[in-house]
């Protein structure tokens, strides 16, 4: 194991087990001026990519009738907590087709019973 692998192994943190299609609440730390606060970004996980320390995921929500997507690194200290609100069952790895949908249909994913 080389030095880069050792450093990456130290940086990896325990995160919630979620998959594409799950509804998430991402508690992100936001720094404004000298103050820090937690901002919750709630939406649907439409993609996961990468592995190890470079892994990231995309969360999409509808805000004021407009779709908003945000990409979060999986092992960043800027994310305080990842909370899974609803499990979803999908048959694709990337849910890019949801971008073309409007209203409630944009977040329509079958619910799944997973342990």
PDB file of N, CA and C in Angstrom:
ATOM      1  N   UNK A   1       0.853  -1.179   0.000  1.00  0.00           N
ATOM      2  CA  UNK A   1       0.000   0.000   0.000  1.00  0.00           C
ATOM      3  C   UNK A   1       0.896   1.238   0.000  1.00  0.00           C
ATOM      4  N   UNK A   2       0.681   2.088  -0.973  1.00  0.00           N
ATOM      5  CA  UNK A   2       1.518   3.280  -1.050  1.00  0.00           C
ATOM      6  C   UNK A   2       0.969   4.394  -0.167  1.00  0.00           C
ATOM      7  N   UNK A   3       1.676   5.486  -0.102  1.00  0.00           N
ATOM      8  CA  UNK A   3       1.351   6.590   0.804  1.00  0.00           C
ATOM      9  C   UNK A   3       0.023   7.256   0.444  1.00  0.00           C
ATOM     10  N   UNK A   4      -0.303   7.333  -0.839  1.00  0.00           N
ATOM     11  CA  UNK A   4      -1.559   7.965  -1.268  1.00  0.00           C
ATOM     12  C   UNK A   4      -2.754   7.145  -0.787  1.00  0.00           C
ATOM     13  N   UNK A   5      -2.666   5.822  -0.891  1.00  0.00           N
ATOM     14  CA  UNK A   5      -3.754   4.966  -0.411  1.00  0.00           C
ATOM     15  C   UNK A   5      -3.956   5.108   1.093  1.00  0.00           C
ATOM     16  N   UNK A   6      -2.874   5.241   1.838  1.00  0.00           N
ATOM     17  CA  UNK A   6      -2.980   5.405   3.289  1.00  0.00           C
ATOM     18  C   UNK A   6      -3.670   6.716   3.643  1.00  0.00           C
ATOM     19  N   UNK A   7      -3.330   7.784   2.948  1.00  0.00           N
ATOM     20  CA  UNK A   7      -3.949   9.088   3.210  1.00  0.00           C
ATOM     21  C   UNK A   7      -5.420   9.053   2.848  1.00  0.00           C
ATOM     22  N   UNK A   8      -5.774   8.442   1.713  1.00  0.00           N
ATOM     23  CA  UNK A   8      -7.173   8.337   1.309  1.00  0.00           C
ATOM     24  C   UNK A   8      -7.979   7.504   2.300  1.00  0.00           C
ATOM     25  N   UNK A   9      -7.378   6.455   2.823  1.00  0.00           N
ATOM     26  CA  UNK A   9      -8.063   5.587   3.781  1.00  0.00           C
ATOM     27  C   UNK A   9      -8.404   6.344   5.058  1.00  0.00           C
ATOM     28  N   UNK A  10      -7.538   7.262   5.481  1.00  0.00           N
ATOM     29  CA  UNK A  10      -7.792   8.077   6.664  1.00  0.00           C
ATOM     30  C   UNK A  10      -8.936   9.059   6.435  1.00  0.00           C
ATOM     31  N   UNK A  11      -9.102   9.545   5.205  1.00  0.00           N
ATOM     32  CA  UNK A  11     -10.103  10.561   4.890  1.00  0.00           C
ATOM     33  C   UNK A  11     -11.509   9.989   4.732  1.00  0.00           C
ATOM     34  N   UNK A  12     -11.625   8.687   4.450  1.00  0.00           N
ATOM     35  CA  UNK A  12     -12.931   8.076   4.225  1.00  0.00           C
ATOM     36  C   UNK A  12     -13.689   7.999   5.544  1.00  0.00           C
ATOM     37  N   UNK A  13     -14.959   8.468   5.521  1.00  0.00           N
ATOM     38  CA  UNK A  13     -15.776   8.441   6.732  1.00  0.00           C
ATOM     39  C   UNK A  13     -16.993   7.552   6.529  1.00  0.00           C
ATOM     40  N   UNK A  14     -17.611   7.160   7.638  1.00  0.00           N
ATOM     41  CA  UNK A  14     -18.818   6.342   7.590  1.00  0.00           C
ATOM     42  C   UNK A  14     -19.997   7.193   7.133  1.00  0.00           C
ATOM     43  N   UNK A  15     -20.696   6.760   6.119  1.00  0.00           N
ATOM     44  CA  UNK A  15     -21.860   7.491   5.627  1.00  0.00           C
ATOM     45  C   UNK A  15     -23.054   6.546   5.581  1.00  0.00           C
ATOM     46  N   UNK A  16     -24.241   7.118   5.487  1.00  0.00           N
ATOM     47  CA  UNK A  16     -25.460   6.316   5.421  1.00  0.00           C
ATOM     48  C   UNK A  16     -25.469   5.485   4.141  1.00  0.00           C
ATOM     49  N   UNK A  17     -26.074   4.318   4.234  1.00  0.00           N
ATOM     50  CA  UNK A  17     -26.180   3.438   3.082  1.00  0.00           C
ATOM     51  C   UNK A  17     -27.398   3.848   2.265  1.00  0.00           C
ATOM     52  N   UNK A  18     -27.164   4.399   1.085  1.00  0.00           N
ATOM     53  CA  UNK A  18     -28.265   4.797   0.212  1.00  0.00           C
ATOM     54  C   UNK A  18     -27.917   4.445  -1.216  1.00  0.00           C
ATOM     55  N   UNK A  19     -28.948   4.370  -2.042  1.00  0.00           N
ATOM     56  CA  UNK A  19     -28.782   4.029  -3.450  1.00  0.00           C
ATOM     57  C   UNK A  19     -29.481   5.070  -4.301  1.00  0.00           C
ATOM     58  N   UNK A  20     -29.293   4.981  -5.587  1.00  0.00           N
ATOM     59  CA  UNK A  20     -29.977   5.867  -6.523  1.00  0.00           C
ATOM     60  C   UNK A  20     -31.472   5.563  -6.448  1.00  0.00           C
ATOM     61  N   UNK A  21     -32.291   6.614  -6.390  1.00  0.00           N
ATOM     62  CA  UNK A  21     -33.731   6.462  -6.276  1.00  0.00           C
ATOM     63  C   UNK A  21     -34.240   6.736  -4.873  1.00  0.00           C
ATOM     64  N   UNK A  22     -33.339   6.829  -3.909  1.00  0.00           N
ATOM     65  CA  UNK A  22     -33.744   7.122  -2.531  1.00  0.00           C
ATOM     66  C   UNK A  22     -33.949   8.619  -2.354  1.00  0.00           C
ATOM     67  N   UNK A  23     -34.902   8.983  -1.497  1.00  0.00           N
ATOM     68  CA  UNK A  23     -35.099  10.381  -1.129  1.00  0.00           C
ATOM     69  C   UNK A  23     -34.204  10.672   0.062  1.00  0.00           C
ATOM     70  N   UNK A  24     -33.443  11.756  -0.036  1.00  0.00           N
ATOM     71  CA  UNK A  24     -32.441  12.075   0.976  1.00  0.00           C
ATOM     72  C   UNK A  24     -32.661  13.448   1.557  1.00  0.00           C
ATOM     73  N   UNK A  25     -32.180  13.634   2.787  1.00  0.00           N
ATOM     74  CA  UNK A  25     -32.010  14.948   3.389  1.00  0.00           C
ATOM     75  C   UNK A  25     -30.528  15.075   3.686  1.00  0.00           C
ATOM     76  N   UNK A  26     -29.864  15.982   2.981  1.00  0.00           N
ATOM     77  CA  UNK A  26     -28.436  16.187   3.160  1.00  0.00           C
ATOM     78  C   UNK A  26     -28.246  17.416   4.043  1.00  0.00           C
ATOM     79  N   UNK A  27     -27.647  17.223   5.204  1.00  0.00           N
ATOM     80  CA  UNK A  27     -27.379  18.308   6.147  1.00  0.00           C
ATOM     81  C   UNK A  27     -25.993  18.855   5.831  1.00  0.00           C
ATOM     82  N   UNK A  28     -25.948  19.967   5.110  1.00  0.00           N
ATOM     83  CA  UNK A  28     -24.683  20.548   4.666  1.00  0.00           C
ATOM     84  C   UNK A  28     -24.300  21.733   5.554  1.00  0.00           C
ATOM     85  N   UNK A  29     -23.015  21.799   5.878  1.00  0.00           N
ATOM     86  CA  UNK A  29     -22.515  22.931   6.654  1.00  0.00           C
ATOM     87  C   UNK A  29     -22.243  24.085   5.702  1.00  0.00           C
ATOM     88  N   UNK A  30     -22.799  25.255   6.032  1.00  0.00           N
ATOM     89  CA  UNK A  30     -22.626  26.439   5.202  1.00  0.00           C
ATOM     90  C   UNK A  30     -21.935  27.506   6.045  1.00  0.00           C
ATOM     91  N   UNK A  31     -20.860  28.091   5.508  1.00  0.00           N
ATOM     92  CA  UNK A  31     -20.141  29.152   6.210  1.00  0.00           C
ATOM     93  C   UNK A  31     -20.543  30.483   5.595  1.00  0.00           C
ATOM     94  N   UNK A  32     -21.097  31.360   6.420  1.00  0.00           N
ATOM     95  CA  UNK A  32     -21.489  32.703   5.974  1.00  0.00           C
ATOM     96  C   UNK A  32     -20.785  33.705   6.868  1.00  0.00           C
ATOM     97  N   UNK A  33     -19.824  34.387   6.312  1.00  0.00           N
ATOM     98  CA  UNK A  33     -19.033  35.304   7.116  1.00  0.00           C
ATOM     99  C   UNK A  33     -18.178  34.501   8.075  1.00  0.00           C
ATOM    100  N   UNK A  34     -18.330  34.751   9.378  1.00  0.00           N
ATOM    101  CA  UNK A  34     -17.596  33.985  10.375  1.00  0.00           C
ATOM    102  C   UNK A  34     -18.445  32.910  11.020  1.00  0.00           C
ATOM    103  N   UNK A  35     -19.720  32.847  10.654  1.00  0.00           N
ATOM    104  CA  UNK A  35     -20.638  31.893  11.275  1.00  0.00           C
ATOM    105  C   UNK A  35     -20.824  30.664  10.399  1.00  0.00           C
ATOM    106  N   UNK A  36     -21.124  29.572  11.064  1.00  0.00           N
ATOM    107  CA  UNK A  36     -21.386  28.323  10.360  1.00  0.00           C
ATOM    108  C   UNK A  36     -22.747  27.804  10.788  1.00  0.00           C
ATOM    109  N   UNK A  37     -23.528  27.339   9.811  1.00  0.00           N
ATOM    110  CA  UNK A  37     -24.847  26.802  10.115  1.00  0.00           C
ATOM    111  C   UNK A  37     -25.089  25.574   9.262  1.00  0.00           C
ATOM    112  N   UNK A  38     -26.119  24.818   9.623  1.00  0.00           N
ATOM    113  CA  UNK A  38     -26.504  23.618   8.875  1.00  0.00           C
ATOM    114  C   UNK A  38     -27.675  23.966   7.969  1.00  0.00           C
ATOM    115  N   UNK A  39     -27.550  23.633   6.694  1.00  0.00           N
ATOM    116  CA  UNK A  39     -28.615  23.846   5.723  1.00  0.00           C
ATOM    117  C   UNK A  39     -29.030  22.483   5.179  1.00  0.00           C
ATOM    118  N   UNK A  40     -30.321  22.212   5.189  1.00  0.00           N
ATOM    119  CA  UNK A  40     -30.818  20.916   4.728  1.00  0.00           C
ATOM    120  C   UNK A  40     -31.239  21.016   3.266  1.00  0.00           C
ATOM    121  N   UNK A  41     -30.704  20.111   2.451  1.00  0.00           N
ATOM    122  CA  UNK A  41     -31.060  20.016   1.036  1.00  0.00           C
ATOM    123  C   UNK A  41     -31.768  18.680   0.865  1.00  0.00           C
ATOM    124  N   UNK A  42     -33.092  18.720   0.699  1.00  0.00           N
ATOM    125  CA  UNK A  42     -33.891  17.493   0.610  1.00  0.00           C
ATOM    126  C   UNK A  42     -34.294  17.254  -0.833  1.00  0.00           C
ATOM    127  N   UNK A  43     -34.033  16.047  -1.321  1.00  0.00           N
ATOM    128  CA  UNK A  43     -34.397  15.728  -2.691  1.00  0.00           C
ATOM    129  C   UNK A  43     -34.159  14.264  -3.000  1.00  0.00           C
ATOM    130  N   UNK A  44     -34.162  13.955  -4.281  1.00  0.00           N
ATOM    131  CA  UNK A  44     -34.032  12.595  -4.777  1.00  0.00           C
ATOM    132  C   UNK A  44     -32.619  12.371  -5.298  1.00  0.00           C
ATOM    133  N   UNK A  45     -32.005  11.277  -4.891  1.00  0.00           N
ATOM    134  CA  UNK A  45     -30.669  10.935  -5.402  1.00  0.00           C
ATOM    135  C   UNK A  45     -30.835  10.401  -6.823  1.00  0.00           C
ATOM    136  N   UNK A  46     -30.283  11.120  -7.802  1.00  0.00           N
ATOM    137  CA  UNK A  46     -30.454  10.688  -9.197  1.00  0.00           C
ATOM    138  C   UNK A  46     -29.195  10.059  -9.781  1.00  0.00           C
ATOM    139  N   UNK A  47     -28.056  10.166  -9.075  1.00  0.00           N
ATOM    140  CA  UNK A  47     -26.824   9.579  -9.607  1.00  0.00           C
ATOM    141  C   UNK A  47     -25.791   9.408  -8.514  1.00  0.00           C
ATOM    142  N   UNK A  48     -24.970   8.375  -8.673  1.00  0.00           N
ATOM    143  CA  UNK A  48     -23.795   8.168  -7.831  1.00  0.00           C
ATOM    144  C   UNK A  48     -22.656   7.837  -8.790  1.00  0.00           C
ATOM    145  N   UNK A  49     -21.470   8.368  -8.481  1.00  0.00           N
ATOM    146  CA  UNK A  49     -20.344   8.034  -9.347  1.00  0.00           C
ATOM    147  C   UNK A  49     -19.047   8.065  -8.564  1.00  0.00           C
ATOM    148  N   UNK A  50     -18.034   7.446  -9.118  1.00  0.00           N
ATOM    149  CA  UNK A  50     -16.724   7.420  -8.497  1.00  0.00           C
ATOM    150  C   UNK A  50     -16.609   6.328  -7.456  1.00  0.00           C
ATOM    151  N   UNK A  51     -15.411   6.213  -6.904  1.00  0.00           N
ATOM    152  CA  UNK A  51     -15.172   5.229  -5.859  1.00  0.00           C
ATOM    153  C   UNK A  51     -14.127   5.770  -4.898  1.00  0.00           C
ATOM    154  N   UNK A  52     -14.121   5.214  -3.706  1.00  0.00           N
ATOM    155  CA  UNK A  52     -13.158   5.640  -2.699  1.00  0.00           C
ATOM    156  C   UNK A  52     -13.393   7.070  -2.280  1.00  0.00           C
ATOM    157  N   UNK A  53     -12.326   7.817  -2.173  1.00  0.00           N
ATOM    158  CA  UNK A  53     -12.406   9.200  -1.716  1.00  0.00           C
ATOM    159  C   UNK A  53     -13.017  10.118  -2.780  1.00  0.00           C
ATOM    160  N   UNK A  54     -13.021   9.684  -4.033  1.00  0.00           N
ATOM    161  CA  UNK A  54     -13.527  10.503  -5.134  1.00  0.00           C
ATOM    162  C   UNK A  54     -15.008  10.288  -5.423  1.00  0.00           C
ATOM    163  N   UNK A  55     -15.707   9.525  -4.608  1.00  0.00           N
ATOM    164  CA  UNK A  55     -17.117   9.220  -4.848  1.00  0.00           C
ATOM    165  C   UNK A  55     -17.971  10.465  -4.611  1.00  0.00           C
ATOM    166  N   UNK A  56     -19.018  10.614  -5.422  1.00  0.00           N
ATOM    167  CA  UNK A  56     -19.943  11.732  -5.260  1.00  0.00           C
ATOM    168  C   UNK A  56     -21.347  11.279  -5.662  1.00  0.00           C
ATOM    169  N   UNK A  57     -22.327  12.083  -5.293  1.00  0.00           N
ATOM    170  CA  UNK A  57     -23.711  11.776  -5.617  1.00  0.00           C
ATOM    171  C   UNK A  57     -24.442  13.068  -5.940  1.00  0.00           C
ATOM    172  N   UNK A  58     -25.490  12.952  -6.748  1.00  0.00           N
ATOM    173  CA  UNK A  58     -26.267  14.108  -7.180  1.00  0.00           C
ATOM    174  C   UNK A  58     -27.665  14.015  -6.585  1.00  0.00           C
ATOM    175  N   UNK A  59     -28.107  15.123  -5.973  1.00  0.00           N
ATOM    176  CA  UNK A  59     -29.433  15.197  -5.375  1.00  0.00           C
ATOM    177  C   UNK A  59     -30.219  16.259  -6.134  1.00  0.00           C
ATOM    178  N   UNK A  60     -31.457  15.928  -6.499  1.00  0.00           N
ATOM    179  CA  UNK A  60     -32.311  16.837  -7.267  1.00  0.00           C
ATOM    180  C   UNK A  60     -33.590  17.109  -6.500  1.00  0.00           C
ATOM    181  N   UNK A  61     -33.996  18.373  -6.471  1.00  0.00           N
ATOM    182  CA  UNK A  61     -35.267  18.746  -5.866  1.00  0.00           C
ATOM    183  C   UNK A  61     -35.957  19.764  -6.755  1.00  0.00           C
ATOM    184  N   UNK A  62     -37.251  19.930  -6.537  1.00  0.00           N
ATOM    185  CA  UNK A  62     -38.025  20.927  -7.263  1.00  0.00           C
ATOM    186  C   UNK A  62     -38.272  22.078  -6.301  1.00  0.00           C
ATOM    187  N   UNK A  63     -37.798  23.263  -6.649  1.00  0.00           N
ATOM    188  CA  UNK A  63     -37.954  24.444  -5.810  1.00  0.00           C
ATOM    189  C   UNK A  63     -38.611  25.544  -6.632  1.00  0.00           C
ATOM    190  N   UNK A  64     -39.795  25.965  -6.229  1.00  0.00           N
ATOM    191  CA  UNK A  64     -40.582  26.994  -6.923  1.00  0.00           C
ATOM    192  C   UNK A  64     -40.825  26.627  -8.381  1.00  0.00           C
ATOM    193  N   UNK A  65     -41.083  25.360  -8.635  1.00  0.00           N
ATOM    194  CA  UNK A  65     -41.367  24.902  -9.991  1.00  0.00           C
ATOM    195  C   UNK A  65     -40.131  24.722 -10.856  1.00  0.00           C
ATOM    196  N   UNK A  66     -38.959  24.950 -10.299  1.00  0.00           N
ATOM    197  CA  UNK A  66     -37.699  24.841 -11.042  1.00  0.00           C
ATOM    198  C   UNK A  66     -36.868  23.714 -10.450  1.00  0.00           C
ATOM    199  N   UNK A  67     -36.278  22.901 -11.289  1.00  0.00           N
ATOM    200  CA  UNK A  67     -35.431  21.812 -10.816  1.00  0.00           C
ATOM    201  C   UNK A  67     -34.075  22.324 -10.369  1.00  0.00           C
ATOM    202  N   UNK A  68     -33.635  21.882  -9.204  1.00  0.00           N
ATOM    203  CA  UNK A  68     -32.333  22.276  -8.657  1.00  0.00           C
ATOM    204  C   UNK A  68     -31.548  21.007  -8.357  1.00  0.00           C
ATOM    205  N   UNK A  69     -30.341  20.930  -8.887  1.00  0.00           N
ATOM    206  CA  UNK A  69     -29.482  19.780  -8.641  1.00  0.00           C
ATOM    207  C   UNK A  69     -28.227  20.239  -7.927  1.00  0.00           C
ATOM    208  N   UNK A  70     -27.752  19.387  -7.033  1.00  0.00           N
ATOM    209  CA  UNK A  70     -26.527  19.706  -6.323  1.00  0.00           C
ATOM    210  C   UNK A  70     -25.697  18.439  -6.204  1.00  0.00           C
ATOM    211  N   UNK A  71     -24.425  18.542  -6.491  1.00  0.00           N
ATOM    212  CA  UNK A  71     -23.512  17.406  -6.424  1.00  0.00           C
ATOM    213  C   UNK A  71     -22.708  17.523  -5.136  1.00  0.00           C
ATOM    214  N   UNK A  72     -22.741  16.464  -4.333  1.00  0.00           N
ATOM    215  CA  UNK A  72     -22.007  16.434  -3.073  1.00  0.00           C
ATOM    216  C   UNK A  72     -20.933  15.366  -3.138  1.00  0.00           C
ATOM    217  N   UNK A  73     -19.713  15.668  -2.687  1.00  0.00           N
ATOM    218  CA  UNK A  73     -18.733  14.596  -2.490  1.00  0.00           C
ATOM    219  C   UNK A  73     -19.199  13.708  -1.336  1.00  0.00           C
ATOM    220  N   UNK A  74     -18.966  12.416  -1.437  1.00  0.00           N
ATOM    221  CA  UNK A  74     -19.486  11.480  -0.445  1.00  0.00           C
ATOM    222  C   UNK A  74     -18.766  11.586   0.895  1.00  0.00           C
ATOM    223  N   UNK A  75     -17.473  11.833   0.883  1.00  0.00           N
ATOM    224  CA  UNK A  75     -16.678  11.808   2.109  1.00  0.00           C
ATOM    225  C   UNK A  75     -16.199  13.188   2.541  1.00  0.00           C
ATOM    226  N   UNK A  76     -16.958  14.220   2.247  1.00  0.00           N
ATOM    227  CA  UNK A  76     -16.552  15.572   2.605  1.00  0.00           C
ATOM    228  C   UNK A  76     -16.941  15.899   4.050  1.00  0.00           C
ATOM    229  N   UNK A  77     -16.130  16.675   4.755  1.00  0.00           N
ATOM    230  CA  UNK A  77     -16.533  17.116   6.091  1.00  0.00           C
ATOM    231  C   UNK A  77     -17.601  18.210   6.042  1.00  0.00           C
ATOM    232  N   UNK A  78     -17.888  18.770   4.884  1.00  0.00           N
ATOM    233  CA  UNK A  78     -18.927  19.791   4.726  1.00  0.00           C
ATOM    234  C   UNK A  78     -20.330  19.216   4.855  1.00  0.00           C
ATOM    235  N   UNK A  79     -20.479  17.899   4.730  1.00  0.00           N
ATOM    236  CA  UNK A  79     -21.774  17.258   4.909  1.00  0.00           C
ATOM    237  C   UNK A  79     -21.799  16.653   6.309  1.00  0.00           C
ATOM    238  N   UNK A  80     -22.708  17.166   7.148  1.00  0.00           N
ATOM    239  CA  UNK A  80     -22.788  16.695   8.527  1.00  0.00           C
ATOM    240  C   UNK A  80     -23.507  15.360   8.616  1.00  0.00           C
ATOM    241  N   UNK A  81     -24.584  15.201   7.833  1.00  0.00           N
ATOM    242  CA  UNK A  81     -25.408  14.009   7.951  1.00  0.00           C
ATOM    243  C   UNK A  81     -26.146  13.763   6.646  1.00  0.00           C
ATOM    244  N   UNK A  82     -26.287  12.491   6.281  1.00  0.00           N
ATOM    245  CA  UNK A  82     -27.116  12.094   5.145  1.00  0.00           C
ATOM    246  C   UNK A  82     -28.240  11.238   5.718  1.00  0.00           C
ATOM    247  N   UNK A  83     -29.463  11.734   5.579  1.00  0.00           N
ATOM    248  CA  UNK A  83     -30.622  11.068   6.162  1.00  0.00           C
ATOM    249  C   UNK A  83     -31.485  10.519   5.022  1.00  0.00           C
ATOM    250  N   UNK A  84     -31.768   9.222   5.043  1.00  0.00           N
ATOM    251  CA  UNK A  84     -32.618   8.597   4.025  1.00  0.00           C
ATOM    252  C   UNK A  84     -34.061   8.680   4.507  1.00  0.00           C
ATOM    253  N   UNK A  85     -34.904   9.423   3.774  1.00  0.00           N
ATOM    254  CA  UNK A  85     -36.297   9.574   4.176  1.00  0.00           C
ATOM    255  C   UNK A  85     -37.193   8.523   3.544  1.00  0.00           C
ATOM    256  N   UNK A  86     -36.868   8.106   2.311  1.00  0.00           N
ATOM    257  CA  UNK A  86     -37.677   7.110   1.616  1.00  0.00           C
ATOM    258  C   UNK A  86     -36.791   6.296   0.699  1.00  0.00           C
ATOM    259  N   UNK A  87     -36.955   5.002   0.715  1.00  0.00           N
ATOM    260  CA  UNK A  87     -36.221   4.119  -0.185  1.00  0.00           C
ATOM    261  C   UNK A  87     -36.967   4.019  -1.507  1.00  0.00           C
ATOM    262  N   UNK A  88     -36.221   4.004  -2.594  1.00  0.00           N
ATOM    263  CA  UNK A  88     -36.842   3.900  -3.904  1.00  0.00           C
ATOM    264  C   UNK A  88     -36.315   2.708  -4.670  1.00  0.00           C
ATOM    265  N   UNK A  89     -37.144   2.179  -5.552  1.00  0.00           N
ATOM    266  CA  UNK A  89     -36.742   1.053  -6.379  1.00  0.00           C
ATOM    267  C   UNK A  89     -36.682   1.527  -7.817  1.00  0.00           C
ATOM    268  N   UNK A  90     -35.497   1.532  -8.378  1.00  0.00           N
ATOM    269  CA  UNK A  90     -35.310   1.952  -9.763  1.00  0.00           C
ATOM    270  C   UNK A  90     -34.509   0.884 -10.493  1.00  0.00           C
ATOM    271  N   UNK A  91     -34.551   0.950 -11.811  1.00  0.00           N
ATOM    272  CA  UNK A  91     -33.871  -0.058 -12.622  1.00  0.00           C
ATOM    273  C   UNK A  91     -32.717   0.537 -13.409  1.00  0.00           C
ATOM    274  N   UNK A  92     -32.323   1.745 -13.058  1.00  0.00           N
ATOM    275  CA  UNK A  92     -31.241   2.429 -13.764  1.00  0.00           C
ATOM    276  C   UNK A  92     -30.231   2.966 -12.768  1.00  0.00           C
ATOM    277  N   UNK A  93     -29.023   3.173 -13.234  1.00  0.00           N
ATOM    278  CA  UNK A  93     -27.971   3.725 -12.386  1.00  0.00           C
ATOM    279  C   UNK A  93     -28.019   5.249 -12.366  1.00  0.00           C
ATOM    280  N   UNK A  94     -28.492   5.848 -13.447  1.00  0.00           N
ATOM    281  CA  UNK A  94     -28.599   7.310 -13.539  1.00  0.00           C
ATOM    282  C   UNK A  94     -30.030   7.652 -13.930  1.00  0.00           C
ATOM    283  N   UNK A  95     -30.657   8.550 -13.182  1.00  0.00           N
ATOM    284  CA  UNK A  95     -32.053   8.906 -13.430  1.00  0.00           C
ATOM    285  C   UNK A  95     -32.153  10.241 -14.159  1.00  0.00           C
ATOM    286  N   UNK A  96     -31.426  10.378 -15.252  1.00  0.00           N
ATOM    287  CA  UNK A  96     -31.417  11.634 -16.007  1.00  0.00           C
ATOM    288  C   UNK A  96     -32.761  11.918 -16.675  1.00  0.00           C
ATOM    289  N   UNK A  97     -33.580  10.904 -16.889  1.00  0.00           N
ATOM    290  CA  UNK A  97     -34.868  11.115 -17.541  1.00  0.00           C
ATOM    291  C   UNK A  97     -35.819  11.937 -16.670  1.00  0.00           C
ATOM    292  N   UNK A  98     -35.553  12.040 -15.367  1.00  0.00           N
ATOM    293  CA  UNK A  98     -36.403  12.842 -14.490  1.00  0.00           C
ATOM    294  C   UNK A  98     -36.249  14.337 -14.752  1.00  0.00           C
ATOM    295  N   UNK A  99     -35.189  14.731 -15.418  1.00  0.00           N
ATOM    296  CA  UNK A  99     -34.960  16.150 -15.711  1.00  0.00           C
ATOM    297  C   UNK A  99     -35.993  16.707 -16.667  1.00  0.00           C
ATOM    298  N   UNK A 100     -36.559  15.859 -17.516  1.00  0.00           N
ATOM    299  CA  UNK A 100     -37.543  16.319 -18.499  1.00  0.00           C
ATOM    300  C   UNK A 100     -38.956  16.391 -17.928  1.00  0.00           C
ATOM    301  N   UNK A 101     -39.156  15.871 -16.734  1.00  0.00           N
ATOM    302  CA  UNK A 101     -40.496  15.823 -16.155  1.00  0.00           C
ATOM    303  C   UNK A 101     -40.798  17.068 -15.340  1.00  0.00           C
ATOM    304  N   UNK A 102     -42.090  17.347 -15.182  1.00  0.00           N
ATOM    305  CA  UNK A 102     -42.535  18.556 -14.489  1.00  0.00           C
ATOM    306  C   UNK A 102     -43.467  18.155 -13.356  1.00  0.00           C
ATOM    307  N   UNK A 103     -43.440  18.868 -12.254  1.00  0.00           N
ATOM    308  CA  UNK A 103     -44.365  18.662 -11.145  1.00  0.00           C
ATOM    309  C   UNK A 103     -44.049  17.424 -10.337  1.00  0.00           C
ATOM    310  N   UNK A 104     -45.115  16.752  -9.868  1.00  0.00           N
ATOM    311  CA  UNK A 104     -44.937  15.574  -9.030  1.00  0.00           C
ATOM    312  C   UNK A 104     -44.303  14.410  -9.796  1.00  0.00           C
ATOM    313  N   UNK A 105     -44.489  14.393 -11.090  1.00  0.00           N
ATOM    314  CA  UNK A 105     -43.914  13.316 -11.909  1.00  0.00           C
ATOM    315  C   UNK A 105     -42.400  13.352 -11.901  1.00  0.00           C
ATOM    316  N   UNK A 106     -41.811  14.512 -11.594  1.00  0.00           N
ATOM    317  CA  UNK A 106     -40.361  14.642 -11.587  1.00  0.00           C
ATOM    318  C   UNK A 106     -39.730  13.907 -10.413  1.00  0.00           C
ATOM    319  N   UNK A 107     -40.508  13.605  -9.386  1.00  0.00           N
ATOM    320  CA  UNK A 107     -39.990  12.902  -8.224  1.00  0.00           C
ATOM    321  C   UNK A 107     -40.632  11.536  -8.052  1.00  0.00           C
ATOM    322  N   UNK A 108     -41.281  11.050  -9.113  1.00  0.00           N
ATOM    323  CA  UNK A 108     -42.018   9.800  -9.049  1.00  0.00           C
ATOM    324  C   UNK A 108     -41.070   8.604  -9.174  1.00  0.00           C
ATOM    325  N   UNK A 109     -40.894   7.895  -8.080  1.00  0.00           N
ATOM    326  CA  UNK A 109     -40.091   6.670  -8.047  1.00  0.00           C
ATOM    327  C   UNK A 109     -40.837   5.682  -7.164  1.00  0.00           C
ATOM    328  N   UNK A 110     -40.882   4.416  -7.598  1.00  0.00           N
ATOM    329  CA  UNK A 110     -41.551   3.399  -6.781  1.00  0.00           C
ATOM    330  C   UNK A 110     -40.854   3.271  -5.434  1.00  0.00           C
ATOM    331  N   UNK A 111     -41.642   3.032  -4.390  1.00  0.00           N
ATOM    332  CA  UNK A 111     -41.035   2.820  -3.092  1.00  0.00           C
ATOM    333  C   UNK A 111     -40.603   1.362  -2.977  1.00  0.00           C
ATOM    334  N   UNK A 112     -39.541   1.149  -2.220  1.00  0.00           N
ATOM    335  CA  UNK A 112     -38.986  -0.196  -2.093  1.00  0.00           C
ATOM    336  C   UNK A 112     -38.920  -0.590  -0.629  1.00  0.00           C
ATOM    337  N   UNK A 113     -39.038  -1.865  -0.373  1.00  0.00           N
ATOM    338  CA  UNK A 113     -38.880  -2.398   0.982  1.00  0.00           C
ATOM    339  C   UNK A 113     -37.522  -3.077   1.048  1.00  0.00           C
ATOM    340  N   UNK A 114     -36.527  -2.346   1.558  1.00  0.00           N
ATOM    341  CA  UNK A 114     -35.170  -2.876   1.701  1.00  0.00           C
ATOM    342  C   UNK A 114     -34.827  -2.938   3.181  1.00  0.00           C
ATOM    343  N   UNK A 115     -34.011  -3.888   3.542  1.00  0.00           N
ATOM    344  CA  UNK A 115     -33.538  -3.949   4.914  1.00  0.00           C
ATOM    345  C   UNK A 115     -32.316  -3.104   5.064  1.00  0.00           C
TER     346      UNK A 115
END
